[in-house]
N, C-alpha and C. Protein backbone atom coordinates (compact mmCIF):
# COMPACT_ATOMS: atom_id res chain seq x y z
N MET A 1 -93.44 -107.87 38.87
CA MET A 1 -92.31 -107.01 39.24
C MET A 1 -92.31 -105.78 38.33
N ALA A 2 -92.32 -104.64 38.94
CA ALA A 2 -92.35 -103.39 38.17
C ALA A 2 -90.98 -103.08 37.58
N GLU A 3 -91.01 -102.51 36.41
CA GLU A 3 -89.80 -101.96 35.78
C GLU A 3 -89.47 -100.68 36.54
N ILE A 4 -88.18 -100.40 36.76
CA ILE A 4 -87.80 -99.20 37.51
C ILE A 4 -87.02 -98.25 36.61
N VAL A 5 -87.46 -96.97 36.61
CA VAL A 5 -86.75 -95.92 35.89
C VAL A 5 -86.19 -94.98 36.95
N ASP A 6 -84.87 -94.93 37.07
CA ASP A 6 -84.25 -94.05 38.06
C ASP A 6 -83.80 -92.77 37.35
N ALA A 7 -84.61 -91.71 37.52
CA ALA A 7 -84.32 -90.44 36.86
C ALA A 7 -83.86 -89.38 37.86
N ARG A 8 -83.42 -89.84 39.04
CA ARG A 8 -82.95 -88.89 40.05
C ARG A 8 -81.66 -88.23 39.56
N GLY A 9 -81.55 -86.94 39.83
CA GLY A 9 -80.36 -86.22 39.44
C GLY A 9 -80.38 -85.73 38.00
N LEU A 10 -81.42 -86.05 37.26
CA LEU A 10 -81.53 -85.61 35.88
C LEU A 10 -82.45 -84.41 35.79
N SER A 11 -82.14 -83.49 34.89
CA SER A 11 -83.01 -82.33 34.74
C SER A 11 -83.94 -82.55 33.55
N CYS A 12 -85.08 -81.88 33.60
CA CYS A 12 -86.05 -82.02 32.52
C CYS A 12 -85.42 -81.58 31.20
N PRO A 13 -85.75 -82.25 30.10
CA PRO A 13 -86.83 -83.23 29.97
C PRO A 13 -86.37 -84.69 30.13
N GLU A 14 -85.17 -84.93 30.65
CA GLU A 14 -84.65 -86.30 30.69
C GLU A 14 -85.55 -87.31 31.42
N PRO A 15 -86.08 -86.97 32.62
CA PRO A 15 -86.95 -87.95 33.29
C PRO A 15 -88.17 -88.33 32.45
N VAL A 16 -88.75 -87.34 31.76
CA VAL A 16 -89.90 -87.60 30.89
C VAL A 16 -89.48 -88.49 29.73
N LEU A 17 -88.36 -88.19 29.11
CA LEU A 17 -87.89 -88.97 27.96
C LEU A 17 -87.60 -90.41 28.36
N LEU A 18 -86.96 -90.61 29.52
CA LEU A 18 -86.68 -91.97 30.00
C LEU A 18 -87.99 -92.73 30.27
N THR A 19 -88.96 -92.03 30.86
CA THR A 19 -90.25 -92.65 31.15
C THR A 19 -90.95 -93.05 29.86
N LEU A 20 -91.00 -92.15 28.89
CA LEU A 20 -91.68 -92.44 27.62
C LEU A 20 -90.98 -93.58 26.87
N GLU A 21 -89.66 -93.63 26.95
CA GLU A 21 -88.89 -94.71 26.33
C GLU A 21 -89.30 -96.07 26.93
N THR A 22 -89.42 -96.09 28.26
CA THR A 22 -89.79 -97.34 28.96
C THR A 22 -91.24 -97.71 28.65
N ILE A 23 -92.13 -96.72 28.60
CA ILE A 23 -93.54 -96.96 28.25
C ILE A 23 -93.63 -97.60 26.86
N LYS A 24 -92.87 -97.06 25.91
CA LYS A 24 -92.91 -97.60 24.54
C LYS A 24 -92.34 -99.01 24.50
N LYS A 25 -91.28 -99.25 25.28
CA LYS A 25 -90.63 -100.57 25.30
C LYS A 25 -91.56 -101.63 25.88
N LEU A 26 -92.24 -101.29 26.99
CA LEU A 26 -93.08 -102.27 27.66
C LEU A 26 -94.47 -102.41 27.05
N GLY A 27 -95.07 -101.28 26.67
CA GLY A 27 -96.42 -101.32 26.11
C GLY A 27 -97.50 -101.40 27.17
N LYS A 28 -97.27 -102.22 28.20
CA LYS A 28 -98.21 -102.32 29.32
C LYS A 28 -97.48 -102.89 30.52
N GLY A 29 -98.15 -102.88 31.66
CA GLY A 29 -97.54 -103.40 32.88
C GLY A 29 -97.43 -102.31 33.93
N GLU A 30 -96.41 -102.42 34.77
CA GLU A 30 -96.24 -101.47 35.86
C GLU A 30 -94.81 -100.92 35.82
N ILE A 31 -94.71 -99.61 36.03
CA ILE A 31 -93.40 -98.94 36.03
C ILE A 31 -93.31 -98.05 37.26
N GLU A 32 -92.15 -98.10 37.91
CA GLU A 32 -91.87 -97.17 39.02
C GLU A 32 -90.83 -96.18 38.52
N ILE A 33 -91.15 -94.90 38.66
CA ILE A 33 -90.21 -93.86 38.22
C ILE A 33 -89.74 -93.10 39.46
N LEU A 34 -88.43 -92.99 39.61
CA LEU A 34 -87.84 -92.27 40.74
C LEU A 34 -87.34 -90.92 40.26
N VAL A 35 -87.86 -89.86 40.88
CA VAL A 35 -87.45 -88.50 40.51
C VAL A 35 -87.14 -87.72 41.79
N ASP A 36 -86.42 -86.61 41.64
CA ASP A 36 -86.05 -85.88 42.85
C ASP A 36 -86.48 -84.41 42.86
N THR A 37 -87.37 -84.03 41.92
CA THR A 37 -87.90 -82.66 41.95
C THR A 37 -89.40 -82.67 41.72
N ASP A 38 -90.05 -81.61 42.22
CA ASP A 38 -91.50 -81.46 42.01
C ASP A 38 -91.81 -81.34 40.52
N THR A 39 -90.97 -80.60 39.80
CA THR A 39 -91.18 -80.40 38.37
C THR A 39 -91.15 -81.73 37.63
N SER A 40 -90.16 -82.56 37.94
CA SER A 40 -90.08 -83.87 37.29
C SER A 40 -91.29 -84.72 37.63
N LYS A 41 -91.72 -84.66 38.90
CA LYS A 41 -92.90 -85.43 39.32
C LYS A 41 -94.12 -85.03 38.49
N GLU A 42 -94.34 -83.73 38.36
CA GLU A 42 -95.49 -83.24 37.59
C GLU A 42 -95.39 -83.62 36.12
N ASN A 43 -94.23 -83.38 35.53
CA ASN A 43 -94.04 -83.63 34.10
C ASN A 43 -94.14 -85.10 33.75
N VAL A 44 -93.53 -85.96 34.57
CA VAL A 44 -93.58 -87.41 34.32
C VAL A 44 -95.02 -87.91 34.46
N SER A 45 -95.72 -87.45 35.50
CA SER A 45 -97.12 -87.86 35.71
C SER A 45 -97.99 -87.47 34.51
N ARG A 46 -97.82 -86.23 34.07
CA ARG A 46 -98.61 -85.73 32.93
C ARG A 46 -98.30 -86.52 31.66
N ALA A 47 -97.03 -86.78 31.42
CA ALA A 47 -96.62 -87.52 30.21
C ALA A 47 -97.19 -88.93 30.23
N ALA A 48 -97.13 -89.59 31.39
CA ALA A 48 -97.64 -90.96 31.50
C ALA A 48 -99.15 -90.99 31.23
N GLN A 49 -99.86 -90.04 31.82
CA GLN A 49 -101.32 -90.00 31.62
C GLN A 49 -101.67 -89.71 30.16
N SER A 50 -100.88 -88.87 29.51
CA SER A 50 -101.15 -88.55 28.11
C SER A 50 -100.95 -89.77 27.21
N MET A 51 -100.17 -90.74 27.69
CA MET A 51 -99.95 -91.98 26.93
C MET A 51 -100.95 -93.07 27.33
N GLY A 52 -101.92 -92.71 28.18
CA GLY A 52 -102.96 -93.66 28.57
C GLY A 52 -102.61 -94.51 29.78
N TRP A 53 -101.57 -94.13 30.52
CA TRP A 53 -101.18 -94.87 31.72
C TRP A 53 -101.85 -94.26 32.94
N GLN A 54 -102.13 -95.10 33.90
CA GLN A 54 -102.80 -94.69 35.13
C GLN A 54 -101.76 -94.45 36.21
N ILE A 55 -101.91 -93.35 36.95
CA ILE A 55 -101.02 -93.09 38.10
C ILE A 55 -101.58 -93.89 39.27
N LEU A 56 -100.87 -94.92 39.71
CA LEU A 56 -101.33 -95.72 40.84
C LEU A 56 -101.07 -95.00 42.15
N LYS A 57 -99.84 -94.49 42.30
CA LYS A 57 -99.51 -93.77 43.53
C LYS A 57 -98.25 -92.95 43.34
N ILE A 58 -98.16 -91.90 44.15
CA ILE A 58 -96.96 -91.08 44.21
C ILE A 58 -96.56 -91.02 45.67
N VAL A 59 -95.40 -91.57 45.97
CA VAL A 59 -94.93 -91.64 47.35
C VAL A 59 -93.76 -90.69 47.52
N GLU A 60 -93.87 -89.80 48.52
CA GLU A 60 -92.77 -88.90 48.80
C GLU A 60 -91.74 -89.67 49.61
N GLU A 61 -90.49 -89.65 49.14
CA GLU A 61 -89.42 -90.35 49.81
C GLU A 61 -88.40 -89.34 50.32
N GLU A 62 -87.39 -89.84 51.00
CA GLU A 62 -86.39 -88.96 51.58
C GLU A 62 -85.75 -88.04 50.54
N LYS A 63 -85.47 -88.60 49.38
CA LYS A 63 -84.79 -87.81 48.34
C LYS A 63 -85.62 -87.74 47.08
N GLY A 64 -86.88 -87.35 47.20
CA GLY A 64 -87.71 -87.19 46.02
C GLY A 64 -89.01 -87.97 46.07
N TYR A 65 -89.38 -88.52 44.93
CA TYR A 65 -90.67 -89.20 44.79
C TYR A 65 -90.53 -90.51 44.03
N LYS A 66 -91.44 -91.43 44.37
CA LYS A 66 -91.56 -92.67 43.59
C LYS A 66 -92.96 -92.67 42.99
N ILE A 67 -93.01 -92.61 41.67
CA ILE A 67 -94.27 -92.58 40.95
C ILE A 67 -94.51 -93.97 40.38
N THR A 68 -95.64 -94.56 40.70
CA THR A 68 -95.98 -95.88 40.17
C THR A 68 -97.10 -95.71 39.16
N ILE A 69 -96.85 -96.16 37.93
CA ILE A 69 -97.84 -96.07 36.87
C ILE A 69 -98.16 -97.47 36.34
N LYS A 70 -99.34 -97.61 35.73
CA LYS A 70 -99.76 -98.93 35.28
C LYS A 70 -100.64 -98.80 34.04
N LYS A 71 -100.53 -99.80 33.19
CA LYS A 71 -101.43 -99.93 32.06
C LYS A 71 -101.69 -101.41 31.83
N ASP A 72 -102.97 -101.77 31.71
CA ASP A 72 -103.34 -103.18 31.50
C ASP A 72 -103.36 -103.54 30.02
């Protein structure tokens, strides 16, 4: 079961900070991040990759994006 970070409605850098907080807390596994802007999608993806996490998928939803990241 993936951990979920709901960062919809937050402006940068909050979605990135929430994502990095969850990455540090978990260390590994799978995280789904919900964002509602292109900027947040790009920034969260970049931050996750810089921490060694893999972007599994980015799904466009009605109100934004669901980014799934993973680290083994």
